[in-house]
Amino acid sequence: MPRPVVATLLVLLLAMAPAANAQRSSYQVFMDNNRIMMDRINSDMAMRNMCEDWKRKGDKVPAGCAEYASSSVAPQPSPTATRFSPVAGDASVKNLADSLGDTPEERAQILQLAGAGKELFAQKYKGKWDNTIAGAMTFFIVSAHIVSTDRQPTASAEDRLFAALNATLAQSEIARASNADKTALYNVLLAGAGLPLVIYVDGKQTGNAAQVEQARTMAAGFSRTFLGTDLQALSAMLEAGGQ
């Protein structure tokens, strides 16, 4: 990766929060709605995990756990439950680059590097979860986990996280969203996963500790902006999915 591009990207993305808050485009409205949806998903997953933990320990299980008990014996959703048909012409990643860059050159650099997310996703999963929201969200969480902890999760942990997300998302508003909205969410999640991961890996390979730390700052910003949560919560979600 060209070093000037990395340096420019770091400066731009560290200023991400003020730039994002300065605008109220339809793109920000879409992301706000996504954060509301993710809050519900996170709450649902946390409740499901607590119910399972109470049952394993033989503790008294609250009445509210009944719905999770019934879902545990119901057929699991198909791995393609959150699959969608991509819509051509999606501009979500371009809008993200426009919100971060101040000049056409800066925006073009960010847009170019944002494409790394799709490439890394394709290389890592070999078509396994293509065009699935659960797959993109799993990759986003895995990327954030690696950047924040220096640890690579096991394939089985990733598979279990995907299954948990797939089951939850299949019951959520996202299952009823349009293909256009799903395409936008998918593309933004992959871009948000790839950008900090590329910077992190580059920093590790060159022994640049400051760059690694900046990648973590970037990942934290994306986690808050896209999913309304922090890196620790995302890592906890991955670890819970891997149990």
Protein backbone atom coordinates (compact mmCIF):
# COMPACT_ATOMS: atom_id res chain seq x y z
CA MET A 1 0.00 0.00 0.00
CA PRO A 2 1.46 3.44 -0.90
CA ARG A 3 2.61 5.14 2.29
CA PRO A 4 1.26 8.64 1.41
CA VAL A 5 -2.19 7.15 0.87
CA VAL A 6 -2.08 5.47 4.29
CA ALA A 7 -1.01 8.69 6.00
CA THR A 8 -3.72 10.71 4.27
CA LEU A 9 -6.39 8.15 5.10
CA LEU A 10 -5.44 8.10 8.77
CA VAL A 11 -5.70 11.87 9.08
CA LEU A 12 -9.08 11.89 7.37
CA LEU A 13 -10.64 9.02 9.27
CA LEU A 14 -9.52 10.26 12.67
CA ALA A 15 -11.72 13.29 11.98
CA MET A 16 -14.64 11.05 11.05
CA ALA A 17 -17.02 11.83 13.92
CA PRO A 18 -17.18 15.63 13.43
CA ALA A 19 -17.59 15.21 9.68
CA ALA A 20 -20.40 12.69 10.07
CA ASN A 21 -22.22 14.83 12.62
CA ALA A 22 -22.00 17.91 10.41
CA GLN A 23 -24.35 16.45 7.81
CA ARG A 24 -27.89 15.10 7.92
CA SER A 25 -28.24 13.47 4.52
CA SER A 26 -30.44 10.49 3.72
CA TYR A 27 -27.30 8.43 4.23
CA GLN A 28 -27.04 9.49 7.89
CA VAL A 29 -30.75 8.85 8.36
CA PHE A 30 -30.23 5.33 6.99
CA MET A 31 -27.31 4.75 9.38
CA ASP A 32 -29.34 6.08 12.33
CA ASN A 33 -32.09 3.59 11.53
CA ASN A 34 -29.48 0.86 11.30
CA ARG A 35 -28.13 1.71 14.77
CA ILE A 36 -31.65 1.47 16.22
CA MET A 37 -32.00 -1.95 14.60
CA MET A 38 -28.60 -3.04 15.95
CA ASP A 39 -29.55 -1.92 19.48
CA ARG A 40 -32.50 -4.29 19.30
CA ILE A 41 -30.37 -7.10 17.87
CA ASN A 42 -27.71 -6.66 20.57
CA SER A 43 -30.38 -6.70 23.29
CA ASP A 44 -31.97 -9.80 21.83
CA MET A 45 -28.65 -11.65 21.62
CA ALA A 46 -27.72 -10.63 25.17
CA MET A 47 -31.07 -11.86 26.49
CA ARG A 48 -30.76 -15.13 24.57
CA ASN A 49 -27.27 -15.72 26.01
CA MET A 50 -28.42 -14.96 29.56
CA CYS A 51 -31.36 -17.33 29.24
CA GLU A 52 -29.09 -20.11 27.99
CA ASP A 53 -26.64 -19.42 30.84
CA TRP A 54 -29.40 -19.62 33.45
CA LYS A 55 -30.60 -22.90 32.00
CA ARG A 56 -27.08 -24.38 31.95
CA LYS A 57 -26.55 -23.44 35.62
CA GLY A 58 -29.94 -24.77 36.69
CA ASP A 59 -31.02 -21.34 37.96
CA LYS A 60 -34.57 -20.09 37.95
CA VAL A 61 -35.39 -18.98 34.42
CA PRO A 62 -37.50 -15.79 34.06
CA ALA A 63 -40.79 -16.10 32.21
CA GLY A 64 -39.41 -13.83 29.48
CA CYS A 65 -37.06 -16.61 28.40
CA ALA A 66 -39.98 -18.68 27.11
CA GLU A 67 -39.73 -17.23 23.61
CA TYR A 68 -36.05 -18.18 23.41
CA ALA A 69 -36.76 -21.67 24.70
CA SER A 70 -39.36 -22.17 22.01
CA SER A 71 -37.04 -20.81 19.33
CA SER A 72 -34.30 -23.23 20.40
CA VAL A 73 -36.40 -26.22 19.35
CA ALA A 74 -37.74 -24.60 16.22
CA PRO A 75 -35.97 -25.24 12.92
CA GLN A 76 -32.96 -22.97 12.54
CA PRO A 77 -33.21 -20.38 9.77
CA SER A 78 -31.50 -21.26 6.52
CA PRO A 79 -27.95 -19.90 6.15
CA THR A 80 -29.39 -17.85 3.29
CA ALA A 81 -32.07 -16.24 5.47
CA THR A 82 -30.41 -12.83 5.20
CA ARG A 83 -29.32 -13.21 1.57
CA PHE A 84 -30.45 -10.53 -0.84
CA SER A 85 -30.21 -9.62 -4.51
CA PRO A 86 -27.66 -6.79 -4.89
CA VAL A 87 -28.97 -3.61 -6.47
CA ALA A 88 -26.78 -2.00 -9.10
CA GLY A 89 -25.70 1.60 -8.64
CA ASP A 90 -25.53 1.60 -4.83
CA ALA A 91 -23.73 4.76 -3.68
CA SER A 92 -23.44 4.05 0.05
CA VAL A 93 -19.65 3.64 0.10
CA LYS A 94 -19.22 6.69 -2.14
CA ASN A 95 -21.38 8.64 0.30
CA LEU A 96 -19.18 7.41 3.13
CA ALA A 97 -16.06 8.57 1.28
CA ASP A 98 -17.71 11.92 0.51
CA SER A 99 -18.47 12.43 4.21
CA LEU A 100 -14.83 11.81 5.14
CA GLY A 101 -12.84 13.49 2.37
CA ASP A 102 -12.60 17.22 1.75
CA THR A 103 -11.28 17.12 -1.82
CA PRO A 104 -12.00 14.93 -4.85
CA GLU A 105 -8.53 13.41 -4.51
CA GLU A 106 -9.06 12.50 -0.85
CA ARG A 107 -12.47 11.03 -1.59
CA ALA A 108 -11.08 8.96 -4.45
CA GLN A 109 -8.32 7.59 -2.20
CA ILE A 110 -10.78 6.60 0.51
CA LEU A 111 -13.15 5.04 -2.03
CA GLN A 112 -10.31 3.03 -3.52
CA LEU A 113 -9.15 1.70 -0.16
CA ALA A 114 -12.74 1.03 0.95
CA GLY A 115 -12.90 -1.57 -1.80
CA ALA A 116 -10.42 -3.62 0.21
CA GLY A 117 -13.28 -4.70 2.46
CA LYS A 118 -15.01 -6.63 -0.32
CA GLU A 119 -11.73 -8.14 -1.47
CA LEU A 120 -10.77 -9.30 2.03
CA PHE A 121 -14.27 -10.68 2.63
CA ALA A 122 -14.13 -12.64 -0.63
CA GLN A 123 -10.65 -14.01 0.13
CA LYS A 124 -11.46 -14.98 3.71
CA TYR A 125 -14.80 -16.70 3.19
CA LYS A 126 -14.50 -17.91 -0.43
CA GLY A 127 -18.11 -17.16 -1.36
CA LYS A 128 -19.47 -18.80 1.80
CA TRP A 129 -21.52 -15.79 2.95
CA ASP A 130 -21.69 -13.63 -0.17
CA ASN A 131 -24.62 -11.20 -0.28
CA THR A 132 -25.81 -12.04 3.23
CA ILE A 133 -26.23 -9.34 5.87
CA ALA A 134 -25.26 -11.81 8.61
CA GLY A 135 -22.04 -12.56 6.74
CA ALA A 136 -21.12 -8.89 6.35
CA MET A 137 -21.90 -8.23 10.01
CA THR A 138 -19.84 -11.24 11.08
CA PHE A 139 -16.87 -9.95 9.07
CA PHE A 140 -17.27 -6.46 10.57
CA ILE A 141 -17.22 -7.89 14.11
CA VAL A 142 -14.30 -10.24 13.33
CA SER A 143 -12.30 -7.34 11.85
CA ALA A 144 -12.98 -5.13 14.88
CA HIS A 145 -12.02 -7.99 17.19
CA ILE A 146 -8.70 -8.59 15.43
CA VAL A 147 -7.81 -4.90 15.35
CA SER A 148 -8.71 -4.30 19.00
CA THR A 149 -7.32 -7.50 20.58
CA ASP A 150 -4.53 -8.73 18.25
CA ARG A 151 -6.29 -12.10 18.29
CA GLN A 152 -7.63 -14.09 15.36
CA PRO A 153 -10.88 -15.91 16.24
CA THR A 154 -11.30 -19.56 15.31
CA ALA A 155 -13.34 -20.54 12.28
CA SER A 156 -15.83 -22.30 14.57
CA ALA A 157 -16.30 -19.12 16.61
CA GLU A 158 -17.00 -17.19 13.41
CA ASP A 159 -19.44 -19.86 12.23
CA ARG A 160 -21.33 -19.76 15.52
CA LEU A 161 -21.43 -15.97 15.49
CA PHE A 162 -22.80 -16.07 11.94
CA ALA A 163 -25.48 -18.57 13.00
CA ALA A 164 -26.51 -16.40 15.97
CA LEU A 165 -26.63 -13.23 13.85
CA ASN A 166 -28.44 -15.01 11.04
CA ALA A 167 -31.12 -16.32 13.40
CA THR A 168 -31.60 -12.91 15.02
CA LEU A 169 -31.53 -10.90 11.81
CA ALA A 170 -34.02 -13.27 10.19
CA GLN A 171 -36.52 -12.19 12.87
CA SER A 172 -35.69 -8.49 12.67
CA GLU A 173 -36.67 -5.51 10.53
CA ILE A 174 -33.74 -6.14 8.22
CA ALA A 175 -35.45 -9.26 6.86
CA ARG A 176 -38.22 -7.02 5.54
CA ALA A 177 -35.94 -4.27 4.22
CA SER A 178 -35.67 -3.60 0.51
CA ASN A 179 -32.84 -5.04 -1.55
CA ALA A 180 -31.56 -1.49 -2.00
CA ASP A 181 -31.29 -0.96 1.78
CA LYS A 182 -29.71 -4.38 2.26
CA THR A 183 -27.19 -3.64 -0.49
CA ALA A 184 -26.26 -0.35 1.18
CA LEU A 185 -25.90 -1.94 4.62
CA TYR A 186 -23.83 -4.83 3.23
CA ASN A 187 -21.46 -2.55 1.31
CA VAL A 188 -20.96 -0.14 4.21
CA LEU A 189 -20.27 -2.98 6.66
CA LEU A 190 -17.64 -4.47 4.35
CA ALA A 191 -16.00 -1.09 3.82
CA GLY A 192 -16.05 -0.40 7.55
CA ALA A 193 -14.48 -3.81 8.22
CA GLY A 194 -11.80 -3.53 5.57
CA LEU A 195 -10.50 0.00 6.10
CA PRO A 196 -9.21 -0.36 9.68
CA LEU A 197 -8.07 -3.94 9.03
CA VAL A 198 -5.90 -2.86 6.09
CA ILE A 199 -4.35 -0.05 8.15
CA TYR A 200 -3.82 -2.42 11.10
CA VAL A 201 -2.13 -5.12 9.02
CA ASP A 202 0.07 -2.56 7.31
CA GLY A 203 1.10 -1.14 10.69
CA LYS A 204 1.89 -4.60 12.05
CA GLN A 205 3.96 -5.56 9.02
CA THR A 206 5.99 -2.34 9.14
CA GLY A 207 6.35 -2.28 12.93
CA ASN A 208 4.47 1.01 13.17
CA ALA A 209 2.83 0.91 16.62
CA ALA A 210 1.30 4.38 16.19
CA GLN A 211 -0.43 3.26 12.99
CA VAL A 212 -1.81 0.16 14.72
CA GLU A 213 -3.24 2.37 17.46
CA GLN A 214 -4.74 4.69 14.86
CA ALA A 215 -6.36 1.68 13.18
CA ARG A 216 -7.97 0.86 16.54
CA THR A 217 -9.23 4.41 16.83
CA MET A 218 -10.67 4.10 13.33
CA ALA A 219 -12.33 0.75 14.09
CA ALA A 220 -13.84 2.20 17.28
CA GLY A 221 -15.24 5.12 15.32
CA PHE A 222 -16.80 2.85 12.71
CA SER A 223 -18.26 0.60 15.42
CA ARG A 224 -19.96 3.55 17.10
CA THR A 225 -21.09 5.13 13.82
CA PHE A 226 -22.39 2.00 12.10
CA LEU A 227 -23.58 -0.20 14.96
CA GLY A 228 -23.91 2.19 17.90
CA THR A 229 -21.61 0.09 20.09
CA ASP A 230 -17.93 -0.11 21.12
CA LEU A 231 -15.12 -2.53 20.31
CA GLN A 232 -15.36 -4.31 23.66
CA ALA A 233 -19.03 -5.10 23.06
CA LEU A 234 -18.28 -6.43 19.58
CA SER A 235 -15.47 -8.64 20.91
CA ALA A 236 -17.78 -9.92 23.64
CA MET A 237 -20.38 -10.75 20.99
CA LEU A 238 -17.82 -12.77 19.03
CA GLU A 239 -16.63 -14.60 22.15
CA ALA A 240 -20.22 -15.35 23.15
CA GLY A 241 -20.90 -16.66 19.66
CA GLY A 242 -17.87 -18.91 19.93
CA GLN A 243 -18.87 -20.62 23.17
